[in-house]
Amino acid sequence: MGNSSRINLANLVLQDLWRHKLAVIAALVVIFHGVGVVYVSHKSRLLTTQWDQLLKERDRLDIEWRNLLLEEQSLAEHSRITRIATKELQMNRPLPKEEVIVRVK
């Protein structure tokens, strides 16, 4: 194929595309719309996965928070008992020299 026949072929293709410009525009719109749908679907899946991970993290943190509240209550109860024993019952911890160790055989 010669150079002029390539130019003629290119001109014919361009003229044909120009003649059917609405069909070409419609095809391009359909292609871009398809790419957009694929992109949005992909982003939606990624965000759904991230949402699930965040829900799991929230549940884990909620469990940890409840455990910390229980621990705080238990520590507060221990210090309350110590305070009542010291102030109201005048109880004190014995000195090391006053402690008696009982060994069971």
Protein backbone atom coordinates (compact mmCIF):
# COMPACT_ATOMS: atom_id res chain seq x y z
CA MET A 1 0.00 0.00 0.00
CA GLY A 2 1.35 3.34 -0.94
CA ASN A 3 1.50 6.51 1.06
CA SER A 4 -1.34 8.18 -0.84
CA SER A 5 -3.63 5.20 -0.39
CA ARG A 6 -3.04 5.38 3.38
CA ILE A 7 -3.92 9.06 3.36
CA ASN A 8 -7.05 8.33 1.30
CA LEU A 9 -8.02 5.54 3.69
CA ALA A 10 -7.48 7.82 6.69
CA ASN A 11 -9.57 10.52 5.03
CA LEU A 12 -12.34 8.03 4.31
CA VAL A 13 -12.33 6.84 7.93
CA LEU A 14 -12.46 10.41 9.23
CA GLN A 15 -15.27 11.29 6.82
CA ASP A 16 -17.18 8.19 7.86
CA LEU A 17 -16.69 9.03 11.54
CA TRP A 18 -17.85 12.58 10.90
CA ARG A 19 -20.92 11.31 9.09
CA HIS A 20 -21.78 9.07 12.04
CA LYS A 21 -20.70 11.49 14.75
CA LEU A 22 -23.76 10.87 16.92
CA ALA A 23 -23.08 7.14 16.94
CA VAL A 24 -19.42 7.77 17.80
CA ILE A 25 -20.38 10.16 20.60
CA ALA A 26 -22.93 7.65 21.92
CA ALA A 27 -20.31 4.86 21.84
CA LEU A 28 -17.83 7.05 23.74
CA VAL A 29 -20.47 7.96 26.31
CA VAL A 30 -21.32 4.28 26.80
CA ILE A 31 -17.62 3.38 27.20
CA PHE A 32 -16.99 6.18 29.73
CA HIS A 33 -20.16 5.28 31.59
CA GLY A 34 -19.05 1.64 31.78
CA VAL A 35 -15.65 2.66 33.13
CA GLY A 36 -17.41 4.90 35.67
CA VAL A 37 -19.65 2.04 36.81
CA VAL A 38 -16.64 -0.24 37.28
CA TYR A 39 -14.79 2.47 39.23
CA VAL A 40 -17.75 3.22 41.50
CA SER A 41 -18.35 -0.49 42.12
CA HIS A 42 -14.70 -0.97 43.05
CA LYS A 43 -14.72 2.02 45.41
CA SER A 44 -17.98 0.81 46.95
CA ARG A 45 -16.47 -2.61 47.67
CA LEU A 46 -13.38 -1.02 49.21
CA LEU A 47 -15.49 1.23 51.43
CA THR A 48 -17.71 -1.68 52.47
CA THR A 49 -14.62 -3.66 53.49
CA GLN A 50 -13.27 -0.67 55.41
CA TRP A 51 -16.68 -0.22 57.11
CA ASP A 52 -16.66 -3.86 58.24
CA GLN A 53 -13.14 -3.46 59.65
CA LEU A 54 -14.18 -0.33 61.51
CA LEU A 55 -17.20 -2.12 62.99
CA LYS A 56 -14.95 -4.94 64.21
CA GLU A 57 -12.54 -2.41 65.70
CA ARG A 58 -15.45 -0.62 67.42
CA ASP A 59 -16.64 -3.91 68.91
CA ARG A 60 -13.12 -4.74 70.11
CA LEU A 61 -12.76 -1.31 71.70
CA ASP A 62 -16.19 -1.62 73.31
CA ILE A 63 -15.18 -4.94 74.90
CA GLU A 64 -11.90 -3.43 76.08
CA TRP A 65 -13.79 -0.44 77.54
CA ARG A 66 -16.14 -2.72 79.47
CA ASN A 67 -13.20 -4.71 80.83
CA LEU A 68 -11.51 -1.50 81.94
CA LEU A 69 -14.69 -0.38 83.70
CA LEU A 70 -14.87 -3.69 85.53
CA GLU A 71 -11.22 -3.40 86.52
CA GLU A 72 -11.77 0.16 87.73
CA GLN A 73 -14.75 -0.93 89.82
CA SER A 74 -12.77 -3.79 91.32
CA LEU A 75 -9.84 -1.50 92.20
CA ALA A 76 -12.20 1.11 93.63
CA GLU A 77 -13.85 -1.57 95.79
CA HIS A 78 -10.45 -2.73 97.11
CA SER A 79 -9.40 0.81 98.02
CA ARG A 80 -12.81 1.39 99.65
CA ILE A 81 -12.38 -1.70 101.81
CA THR A 82 -8.86 -0.60 102.76
CA ARG A 83 -10.11 2.87 103.66
CA ILE A 84 -12.98 1.54 105.79
CA ALA A 85 -10.68 -0.92 107.57
CA THR A 86 -8.18 1.82 108.34
CA LYS A 87 -10.52 4.64 109.35
CA GLU A 88 -13.61 3.03 110.80
CA LEU A 89 -12.15 -0.17 112.24
CA GLN A 90 -8.71 1.27 113.11
CA MET A 91 -7.04 -1.66 111.40
CA ASN A 92 -3.46 -1.31 110.19
CA ARG A 93 -1.18 -3.52 108.24
CA PRO A 94 1.23 -5.30 110.62
CA LEU A 95 4.90 -4.44 110.55
CA PRO A 96 7.18 -7.07 109.03
CA LYS A 97 8.62 -7.94 112.47
CA GLU A 98 5.06 -8.53 113.77
CA GLU A 99 4.12 -10.91 110.99
CA VAL A 100 3.95 -14.60 111.80
CA ILE A 101 4.51 -17.13 109.04
CA VAL A 102 2.73 -20.46 109.50
CA ARG A 103 4.07 -23.37 107.49
CA VAL A 104 1.80 -26.28 106.74
CA LYS A 105 3.44 -29.64 106.13
